C-alpha atoms as a PDB file:
ATOM      1  CA  MET A   1       0.000   0.000   0.000  1.00  0.00           C
ATOM      2  CA  ILE A   2       1.313   3.471  -0.853  1.00  0.00           C
ATOM      3  CA  ILE A   3       0.204   5.010   2.468  1.00  0.00           C
ATOM      4  CA  ARG A   4       3.295   4.229   4.512  1.00  0.00           C
ATOM      5  CA  ASP A   5       2.792   6.729   7.297  1.00  0.00           C
ATOM      6  CA  ALA A   6       0.925   5.075  10.196  1.00  0.00           C
ATOM      7  CA  GLU A   7      -0.167   8.479  11.533  1.00  0.00           C
ATOM      8  CA  LEU A   8      -1.718   9.396   8.169  1.00  0.00           C
ATOM      9  CA  ARG A   9      -3.551   6.035   8.037  1.00  0.00           C
ATOM     10  CA  PHE A  10      -4.817   6.668  11.562  1.00  0.00           C
ATOM     11  CA  ARG A  11      -6.064  10.146  10.609  1.00  0.00           C
ATOM     12  CA  ILE A  12      -7.851   8.849   7.510  1.00  0.00           C
ATOM     13  CA  ASN A  13      -9.528   6.088   9.537  1.00  0.00           C
ATOM     14  CA  THR A  14     -10.544   8.523  12.278  1.00  0.00           C
ATOM     15  CA  ALA A  15     -12.002  10.995   9.770  1.00  0.00           C
ATOM     16  CA  LYS A  16     -13.900   8.211   8.047  1.00  0.00           C
ATOM     17  CA  GLU A  17     -15.324   6.936  11.354  1.00  0.00           C
ATOM     18  CA  ALA A  18     -16.402  10.460  12.255  1.00  0.00           C
ATOM     19  CA  ALA A  19     -18.285  10.727   8.958  1.00  0.00           C
ATOM     20  CA  ASP A  20     -20.143   7.436   9.284  1.00  0.00           C
ATOM     21  CA  LEU A  21     -19.890   4.071  10.973  1.00  0.00           C
ATOM     22  CA  HIS A  22     -19.784   1.951   7.833  1.00  0.00           C
ATOM     23  CA  SER A  23     -19.444   2.492   4.103  1.00  0.00           C
ATOM     24  CA  ASN A  24     -20.791   0.003   1.631  1.00  0.00           C
ATOM     25  CA  VAL A  25     -18.342  -2.698   0.597  1.00  0.00           C
ATOM     26  CA  PHE A  26     -18.229  -1.627  -3.059  1.00  0.00           C
ATOM     27  CA  SER A  27     -17.104   1.886  -2.084  1.00  0.00           C
ATOM     28  CA  GLN A  28     -14.470   0.421   0.207  1.00  0.00           C
ATOM     29  CA  PHE A  29     -13.046  -1.651  -2.670  1.00  0.00           C
ATOM     30  CA  ILE A  30     -12.938   1.422  -4.912  1.00  0.00           C
ATOM     31  CA  LEU A  31     -11.065   3.381  -2.235  1.00  0.00           C
ATOM     32  CA  LEU A  32      -8.706   0.460  -1.578  1.00  0.00           C
ATOM     33  CA  ASP A  33      -7.870   0.256  -5.287  1.00  0.00           C
ATOM     34  CA  TYR A  34      -7.254   4.008  -5.431  1.00  0.00           C
ATOM     35  CA  LEU A  35      -4.973   3.954  -2.398  1.00  0.00           C
ATOM     36  CA  LYS A  36      -3.022   0.950  -3.688  1.00  0.00           C
ATOM     37  CA  ASN A  37      -2.432   2.545  -7.077  1.00  0.00           C
ATOM     38  CA  ASN A  38      -1.947   6.210  -6.245  1.00  0.00           C
ATOM     39  CA  ASP A  39       0.304   8.219  -3.965  1.00  0.00           C
ATOM     40  CA  ILE A  40      -2.134   9.879  -1.534  1.00  0.00           C
ATOM     41  CA  THR A  41       0.592  12.078  -0.042  1.00  0.00           C
ATOM     42  CA  GLN A  42       1.411  13.460  -3.496  1.00  0.00           C
ATOM     43  CA  HIS A  43      -2.294  13.956  -4.201  1.00  0.00           C
ATOM     44  CA  ILE A  44      -2.790  15.873  -0.944  1.00  0.00           C
ATOM     45  CA  ALA A  45       0.205  18.099  -1.738  1.00  0.00           C
ATOM     46  CA  ARG A  46      -1.256  18.837  -5.201  1.00  0.00           C
ATOM     47  CA  ILE A  47      -4.708  19.642  -3.802  1.00  0.00           C
ATOM     48  CA  ARG A  48      -3.239  21.874  -1.085  1.00  0.00           C
ATOM     49  CA  SER A  49      -1.365  23.846  -3.738  1.00  0.00           C
ATOM     50  CA  LEU A  50      -4.475  24.184  -5.923  1.00  0.00           C
ATOM     51  CA  TYR A  51      -6.650  25.237  -2.968  1.00  0.00           C
ATOM     52  CA  LYS A  52      -4.095  27.854  -1.907  1.00  0.00           C
ATOM     53  CA  GLY A  53      -4.160  29.464  -5.350  1.00  0.00           C
ATOM     54  CA  GLN A  54      -7.945  29.429  -5.414  1.00  0.00           C
ATOM     55  CA  SER A  55      -8.211  30.788  -1.868  1.00  0.00           C
ATOM     56  CA  ASP A  56      -5.693  33.532  -2.622  1.00  0.00           C
ATOM     57  CA  ALA A  57      -7.631  34.476  -5.783  1.00  0.00           C
ATOM     58  CA  MET A  58     -10.902  34.748  -3.856  1.00  0.00           C
ATOM     59  CA  ILE A  59      -9.358  36.790  -1.057  1.00  0.00           C
ATOM     60  CA  LYS A  60      -7.667  39.157  -3.536  1.00  0.00           C
ATOM     61  CA  ALA A  61     -10.924  39.632  -5.440  1.00  0.00           C
ATOM     62  CA  MET A  62     -12.859  40.329  -2.235  1.00  0.00           C
ATOM     63  CA  GLU A  63     -10.198  42.775  -1.042  1.00  0.00           C
ATOM     64  CA  ASP A  64     -10.431  44.601  -4.375  1.00  0.00           C
ATOM     65  CA  MET A  65     -14.206  44.503  -4.918  1.00  0.00           C
ATOM     66  CA  PHE A  66     -16.193  44.061  -1.705  1.00  0.00           C
ATOM     67  CA  PRO A  67     -17.398  47.109   0.207  1.00  0.00           C
ATOM     68  CA  ALA A  68     -15.304  48.075   3.246  1.00  0.00           C
ATOM     69  CA  ASP A  69     -18.096  47.064   5.662  1.00  0.00           C
ATOM     70  CA  VAL A  70     -17.975  43.427   4.498  1.00  0.00           C
ATOM     71  CA  SER A  71     -15.398  41.282   6.306  1.00  0.00           C
ATOM     72  CA  PHE A  72     -14.178  37.747   5.644  1.00  0.00           C
ATOM     73  CA  THR A  73     -11.890  35.089   7.042  1.00  0.00           C
ATOM     74  CA  ARG A  74      -8.480  34.238   5.702  1.00  0.00           C
ATOM     75  CA  PRO A  75      -8.421  30.444   5.952  1.00  0.00           C
ATOM     76  CA  GLU A  76      -5.297  28.513   6.834  1.00  0.00           C
ATOM     77  CA  GLY A  77      -6.791  25.419   5.224  1.00  0.00           C
ATOM     78  CA  GLY A  78     -10.062  23.897   4.172  1.00  0.00           C
ATOM     79  CA  MET A  79     -12.396  24.840   1.351  1.00  0.00           C
ATOM     80  CA  PHE A  80     -14.417  27.807   2.529  1.00  0.00           C
ATOM     81  CA  ILE A  81     -14.262  31.504   3.299  1.00  0.00           C
ATOM     82  CA  TRP A  82     -16.710  32.860   5.851  1.00  0.00           C
ATOM     83  CA  VAL A  83     -18.133  36.297   4.973  1.00  0.00           C
ATOM     84  CA  THR A  84     -19.793  38.708   7.396  1.00  0.00           C
ATOM     85  CA  LEU A  85     -22.069  41.360   5.931  1.00  0.00           C
ATOM     86  CA  PRO A  86     -23.238  44.516   7.724  1.00  0.00           C
ATOM     87  CA  GLU A  87     -25.651  43.713  10.590  1.00  0.00           C
ATOM     88  CA  ASN A  88     -28.719  44.978   8.714  1.00  0.00           C
ATOM     89  CA  MET A  89     -28.056  42.825   5.625  1.00  0.00           C
ATOM     90  CA  LYS A  90     -29.437  39.297   5.417  1.00  0.00           C
ATOM     91  CA  ALA A  91     -27.492  36.830   3.295  1.00  0.00           C
ATOM     92  CA  VAL A  92     -30.626  34.954   2.259  1.00  0.00           C
ATOM     93  CA  SER A  93     -32.020  38.158   0.705  1.00  0.00           C
ATOM     94  CA  LEU A  94     -28.909  38.388  -1.480  1.00  0.00           C
ATOM     95  CA  PHE A  95     -29.131  34.764  -2.544  1.00  0.00           C
ATOM     96  CA  GLU A  96     -31.808  35.194  -5.237  1.00  0.00           C
ATOM     97  CA  LYS A  97     -30.047  38.230  -6.674  1.00  0.00           C
ATOM     98  CA  THR A  98     -26.704  36.450  -6.949  1.00  0.00           C
ATOM     99  CA  ARG A  99     -28.378  33.303  -8.267  1.00  0.00           C
ATOM    100  CA  GLU A 100     -29.783  35.382 -11.115  1.00  0.00           C
ATOM    101  CA  LYS A 101     -26.137  36.188 -11.913  1.00  0.00           C
ATOM    102  CA  ASN A 102     -25.294  32.442 -11.829  1.00  0.00           C
ATOM    103  CA  VAL A 103     -23.437  32.658  -8.529  1.00  0.00           C
ATOM    104  CA  VAL A 104     -24.584  30.891  -5.378  1.00  0.00           C
ATOM    105  CA  PHE A 105     -23.377  30.646  -1.802  1.00  0.00           C
ATOM    106  CA  VAL A 106     -24.525  29.078   1.439  1.00  0.00           C
ATOM    107  CA  PRO A 107     -26.238  31.483   3.858  1.00  0.00           C
ATOM    108  CA  GLY A 108     -24.571  31.329   7.265  1.00  0.00           C
ATOM    109  CA  ASN A 109     -27.519  31.239   9.649  1.00  0.00           C
ATOM    110  CA  PRO A 110     -28.216  27.472   9.265  1.00  0.00           C
ATOM    111  CA  PHE A 111     -24.764  26.863  10.792  1.00  0.00           C
ATOM    112  CA  TYR A 112     -25.989  28.340  14.083  1.00  0.00           C
ATOM    113  CA  VAL A 113     -28.275  26.349  16.377  1.00  0.00           C
ATOM    114  CA  ASP A 114     -30.479  29.359  16.994  1.00  0.00           C
ATOM    115  CA  GLY A 115     -30.392  30.606  13.378  1.00  0.00           C
ATOM    116  CA  ARG A 116     -28.656  33.834  14.345  1.00  0.00           C
ATOM    117  CA  LYS A 117     -26.020  35.549  12.238  1.00  0.00           C
ATOM    118  CA  ALA A 118     -28.306  36.015   9.244  1.00  0.00           C
ATOM    119  CA  ASN A 119     -25.702  38.453   7.934  1.00  0.00           C
ATOM    120  CA  THR A 120     -23.151  35.720   7.211  1.00  0.00           C
ATOM    121  CA  LEU A 121     -22.447  33.429   4.293  1.00  0.00           C
ATOM    122  CA  ARG A 122     -20.002  30.733   3.258  1.00  0.00           C
ATOM    123  CA  LEU A 123     -18.143  30.733  -0.049  1.00  0.00           C
ATOM    124  CA  ASN A 124     -16.416  27.678  -1.525  1.00  0.00           C
ATOM    125  CA  TYR A 125     -13.309  28.293  -3.605  1.00  0.00           C
ATOM    126  CA  THR A 126     -12.372  24.717  -4.552  1.00  0.00           C
ATOM    127  CA  ASN A 127     -14.676  24.086  -7.498  1.00  0.00           C
ATOM    128  CA  CYS A 128     -13.617  26.827  -9.916  1.00  0.00           C
ATOM    129  CA  ASP A 129     -10.474  28.111 -11.527  1.00  0.00           C
ATOM    130  CA  GLU A 130      -9.049  31.450 -10.431  1.00  0.00           C
ATOM    131  CA  ALA A 131     -10.545  33.469 -13.311  1.00  0.00           C
ATOM    132  CA  THR A 132     -14.020  32.075 -12.588  1.00  0.00           C
ATOM    133  CA  ILE A 133     -13.602  32.831  -8.876  1.00  0.00           C
ATOM    134  CA  THR A 134     -12.697  36.437  -9.649  1.00  0.00           C
ATOM    135  CA  GLU A 135     -15.707  36.783 -11.950  1.00  0.00           C
ATOM    136  CA  GLY A 136     -17.998  35.261  -9.307  1.00  0.00           C
ATOM    137  CA  ILE A 137     -16.788  37.698  -6.673  1.00  0.00           C
ATOM    138  CA  ARG A 138     -17.305  40.556  -9.156  1.00  0.00           C
ATOM    139  CA  ARG A 139     -20.923  39.473  -9.605  1.00  0.00           C
ATOM    140  CA  ILE A 140     -21.498  39.178  -5.847  1.00  0.00           C
ATOM    141  CA  SER A 141     -19.941  42.619  -5.336  1.00  0.00           C
ATOM    142  CA  GLU A 142     -22.411  44.090  -7.857  1.00  0.00           C
ATOM    143  CA  VAL A 143     -25.255  42.822  -5.680  1.00  0.00           C
ATOM    144  CA  LEU A 144     -23.602  44.094  -2.508  1.00  0.00           C
END
């Protein structure tokens, strides 16, 4: 098996167990085949590099285009940037307007048990190239 690092195997197993208690056998065989025939460490390094470029592109676009009263996180990892709008602005009210411009996001309030923080939203930067990310942020900024 290409995964030689026992700590990495442990982390993968722990993450999998946290996600569910059992995957179907067919999916397990597919994953086993992938891990036997691919270098997961190399893959992770490639994805980390791609995500960094995409994250940097989104942050740069937001710095350049978003109004000063809109703030956002600067992730050290992961796939998302958390955006905070002015208190009086509800993310869900922006959703339809940005959807009309073929850009969507996840409103932030469902992430809170009590539904508060209606002025927040989550953006994913991992599914588009840097030019598309910049264009998407431009369209969101038009709505803002």
